[in-house]
N, C-alpha and C. Protein backbone atom coordinates (compact mmCIF):
# COMPACT_ATOMS: atom_id res chain seq x y z
N MET A 1 7.38 20.20 10.81
CA MET A 1 8.66 19.10 9.58
C MET A 1 9.11 19.25 8.54
N VAL A 2 11.00 19.08 8.95
CA VAL A 2 11.52 19.23 7.56
C VAL A 2 12.46 17.73 7.11
N SER A 3 12.03 17.05 5.80
CA SER A 3 11.77 15.78 5.41
C SER A 3 13.19 16.14 4.76
N THR A 4 14.00 15.02 4.78
CA THR A 4 15.38 14.75 4.02
C THR A 4 14.93 13.90 2.71
N ILE A 5 14.99 14.21 1.34
CA ILE A 5 14.92 13.40 0.47
C ILE A 5 16.23 12.74 0.31
N LYS A 6 16.24 11.43 0.10
CA LYS A 6 17.45 10.45 -0.66
C LYS A 6 17.06 9.87 -1.62
N SER A 7 18.23 8.69 -2.03
CA SER A 7 17.97 8.52 -3.23
C SER A 7 18.55 6.48 -2.92
N THR A 8 18.22 6.03 -4.12
CA THR A 8 18.43 5.02 -3.83
C THR A 8 18.80 3.72 -5.42
N THR A 9 19.40 3.26 -5.77
CA THR A 9 18.94 2.82 -6.83
C THR A 9 18.55 0.98 -6.72
N ILE A 10 17.87 0.57 -7.38
CA ILE A 10 16.97 -0.36 -7.62
C ILE A 10 17.15 -1.02 -9.56
N ARG A 11 17.47 -2.20 -9.00
CA ARG A 11 18.66 -3.05 -10.79
C ARG A 11 17.39 -3.67 -11.25
N PHE A 12 16.70 -3.57 -12.26
CA PHE A 12 15.10 -4.31 -12.70
C PHE A 12 16.18 -5.12 -13.99
N ASP A 13 15.75 -6.12 -14.31
CA ASP A 13 16.06 -7.03 -16.08
C ASP A 13 15.20 -5.94 -16.70
N THR A 14 15.63 -6.10 -17.94
CA THR A 14 15.59 -5.67 -18.97
C THR A 14 13.29 -5.26 -19.15
N GLU A 15 13.09 -6.67 -18.77
CA GLU A 15 12.00 -7.07 -19.67
C GLU A 15 10.98 -6.53 -18.43
N VAL A 16 11.45 -6.01 -16.79
CA VAL A 16 10.67 -5.84 -16.17
C VAL A 16 10.48 -4.02 -16.07
N LEU A 17 12.13 -4.24 -16.21
CA LEU A 17 11.99 -2.28 -16.61
C LEU A 17 10.72 -2.03 -17.61
N ASN A 18 11.06 -2.00 -18.55
CA ASN A 18 9.75 -2.21 -19.73
C ASN A 18 8.46 -2.19 -19.44
N LEU A 19 8.21 -3.23 -18.52
CA LEU A 19 7.34 -3.37 -17.77
C LEU A 19 6.22 -2.53 -16.83
N ILE A 20 7.34 -1.79 -16.58
CA ILE A 20 7.60 -0.94 -15.48
C ILE A 20 6.57 0.96 -16.68
N HIS A 21 8.38 0.77 -17.07
CA HIS A 21 7.80 1.65 -18.21
C HIS A 21 6.37 2.13 -18.55
N LYS A 22 5.93 0.92 -19.92
CA LYS A 22 4.58 1.29 -19.81
C LYS A 22 3.76 1.14 -19.04
N GLU A 23 4.13 0.56 -17.97
CA GLU A 23 2.88 1.13 -16.90
C GLU A 23 2.69 2.02 -16.80
N ALA A 24 3.35 2.15 -16.34
CA ALA A 24 3.72 4.01 -15.71
C ALA A 24 2.75 4.80 -16.61
N ALA A 25 3.19 4.65 -18.03
CA ALA A 25 3.22 5.52 -19.44
C ALA A 25 2.07 5.13 -19.27
N LEU A 26 0.86 4.41 -19.37
CA LEU A 26 -0.61 4.06 -19.16
C LEU A 26 -1.24 4.81 -17.96
N ASN A 27 -0.81 5.22 -17.09
CA ASN A 27 -1.39 5.94 -15.56
C ASN A 27 -0.66 7.62 -15.90
N ARG A 28 -0.05 7.55 -16.88
CA ARG A 28 0.51 9.47 -17.61
C ARG A 28 1.88 9.78 -16.19
N GLN A 29 2.59 9.01 -15.70
CA GLN A 29 3.61 9.46 -14.59
C GLN A 29 4.57 8.91 -15.10
N ILE A 30 5.63 9.72 -15.28
CA ILE A 30 6.78 8.89 -15.05
C ILE A 30 7.24 7.51 -14.32
N ALA A 31 8.33 6.47 -14.53
CA ALA A 31 8.54 6.01 -13.99
C ALA A 31 8.84 5.61 -12.66
N THR A 32 9.80 6.84 -12.99
CA THR A 32 10.68 7.12 -11.13
C THR A 32 9.29 7.44 -10.27
N GLU A 33 8.29 8.40 -10.19
CA GLU A 33 6.60 9.10 -9.52
C GLU A 33 6.01 6.96 -9.91
N PHE A 34 6.11 6.66 -10.29
CA PHE A 34 4.79 5.13 -11.23
C PHE A 34 5.52 4.18 -9.34
N MET A 35 7.21 3.97 -10.17
CA MET A 35 7.98 3.23 -8.29
C MET A 35 7.69 3.77 -7.25
N ARG A 36 7.68 5.20 -7.35
CA ARG A 36 7.49 5.83 -5.73
C ARG A 36 6.16 5.34 -5.41
N ASN A 37 5.25 5.62 -5.66
CA ASN A 37 3.60 5.20 -5.21
C ASN A 37 3.47 3.70 -5.27
N ALA A 38 4.27 3.20 -6.65
CA ALA A 38 3.63 1.63 -6.06
C ALA A 38 4.48 0.57 -4.27
N ILE A 39 5.94 1.83 -4.26
CA ILE A 39 6.41 1.05 -2.95
C ILE A 39 4.80 1.87 -1.89
N GLN A 40 5.44 2.77 -2.03
CA GLN A 40 4.11 3.69 -1.23
C GLN A 40 2.86 2.88 -0.60
N GLU A 41 2.38 2.49 -1.78
CA GLU A 41 1.41 1.65 -2.34
C GLU A 41 1.31 -0.30 -0.55
N LYS A 42 2.81 -0.78 -1.09
CA LYS A 42 2.75 -1.27 -1.12
C LYS A 42 3.26 -1.06 1.19
N LEU A 43 3.62 -0.07 1.78
CA LEU A 43 4.61 0.12 2.52
C LEU A 43 2.84 0.39 3.46
N GLU A 44 1.57 1.19 3.07
CA GLU A 44 0.82 1.03 3.56
C GLU A 44 -0.67 -0.18 3.56
N ASP A 45 0.02 -1.40 2.59
CA ASP A 45 -0.83 -2.11 2.51
C ASP A 45 -0.43 -3.45 3.87
N SER A 46 1.02 -3.07 3.95
CA SER A 46 1.59 -3.18 4.93
C SER A 46 2.03 -3.47 6.14
N LEU A 47 1.21 -1.58 6.47
CA LEU A 47 1.14 -1.69 7.45
C LEU A 47 -0.71 -1.35 8.20
N ASP A 48 -1.11 -1.63 7.16
CA ASP A 48 -2.66 -2.23 7.18
C ASP A 48 -2.98 -3.22 7.85
N TYR A 49 -2.40 -4.31 7.07
CA TYR A 49 -2.01 -5.59 7.47
C TYR A 49 -1.89 -5.36 8.41
N GLN A 50 -0.32 -5.11 9.00
CA GLN A 50 -0.13 -5.40 11.38
C GLN A 50 -0.91 -4.76 11.25
N GLU A 51 -1.82 -3.97 11.83
CA GLU A 51 -2.77 -3.36 12.51
C GLU A 51 -3.84 -4.15 12.67
N ALA A 52 -4.26 -4.45 11.70
CA ALA A 52 -5.13 -5.25 11.47
C ALA A 52 -4.88 -6.35 12.03
N ALA A 53 -4.46 -7.32 11.98
CA ALA A 53 -3.33 -8.15 12.74
C ALA A 53 -3.06 -7.42 14.51
N LYS A 54 -3.07 -7.06 14.60
CA LYS A 54 -2.66 -6.59 16.07
C LYS A 54 -3.94 -6.48 16.35
N ASN A 55 -4.92 -5.74 16.24
CA ASN A 55 -6.44 -6.21 17.22
C ASN A 55 -7.26 -6.84 16.80
N LEU A 56 -6.83 -8.07 15.39
CA LEU A 56 -7.94 -9.28 15.86
C LEU A 56 -6.82 -9.60 16.32
N MET A 57 -5.76 -9.88 17.44
CA MET A 57 -5.20 -10.39 17.83
C MET A 57 -6.00 -10.02 19.42
N GLU A 58 -6.00 -8.54 20.02
CA GLU A 58 -6.25 -7.90 20.82
C GLU A 58 -7.37 -8.73 21.23
N SER A 59 -8.37 -8.07 20.09
CA SER A 59 -10.00 -9.24 20.01
C SER A 59 -9.82 -10.45 19.96
N ASN A 60 -8.97 -11.36 20.61
CA ASN A 60 -9.35 -12.83 20.87
C ASN A 60 -9.96 -13.78 19.69
N GLY A 61 -9.89 -13.24 18.97
CA GLY A 61 -10.78 -14.02 17.51
C GLY A 61 -11.64 -13.04 17.84
N ARG A 62 -12.68 -12.74 17.86
CA ARG A 62 -13.50 -11.95 18.09
C ARG A 62 -14.07 -10.45 16.43
N THR A 63 -14.95 -11.53 15.64
CA THR A 63 -14.98 -10.37 14.71
C THR A 63 -16.76 -9.48 15.20
N LEU A 64 -16.66 -8.56 14.12
CA LEU A 64 -17.91 -8.60 13.72
C LEU A 64 -18.64 -8.41 12.07
N SER A 65 -19.74 -9.11 11.70
CA SER A 65 -20.07 -8.65 10.28
C SER A 65 -20.04 -7.33 10.41
N ARG A 66 -20.51 -7.37 8.98
CA ARG A 66 -20.63 -5.42 8.20
C ARG A 66 -21.79 -4.92 9.61
N GLU A 67 -22.47 -6.03 8.84
CA GLU A 67 -24.48 -5.56 9.07
C GLU A 67 -24.68 -5.30 9.99
N ASP A 68 -23.30 -6.09 11.34
CA ASP A 68 -23.41 -5.95 13.23
C ASP A 68 -22.87 -4.69 13.51
N VAL A 69 -21.62 -3.84 12.30
CA VAL A 69 -20.88 -2.96 12.73
C VAL A 69 -22.07 -1.59 12.48
N ILE A 70 -23.15 -1.81 10.92
CA ILE A 70 -24.35 -0.77 10.98
C ILE A 70 -24.57 -0.70 11.56
N HIS A 71 -25.80 -2.09 12.42
CA HIS A 71 -26.67 -1.61 13.44
C HIS A 71 -25.90 -0.88 14.71
N ASP A 72 -24.60 -1.49 14.82
CA ASP A 72 -24.16 -0.97 15.79
C ASP A 72 -23.63 0.54 16.31
N LEU A 73 -24.15 1.21 15.19
CA LEU A 73 -23.54 2.55 14.73
C LEU A 73 -25.32 3.51 14.73
N GLY A 74 -25.84 2.29 14.83
CA GLY A 74 -27.35 2.63 13.98
C GLY A 74 -27.01 3.52 12.99
N LEU A 75 -26.85 2.70 11.89
CA LEU A 75 -26.65 3.20 11.02
C LEU A 75 -27.97 3.33 9.17
């Protein structure tokens, strides 16, 4: 599968941009890499939430405790 890379522009006020650069430096990343990772994490969190909400709706609100899952799996 061939992926295409595109670019976009995001405008930040100086204070926020300074915080991004500081946080990126703490993580030994460049700001672009830090922002790309932050956006990717946000997208993954959103998709996880959507999947969990779908599963909860399909289960009619039925949930299991961690202990029940462990027991059901025989762990």
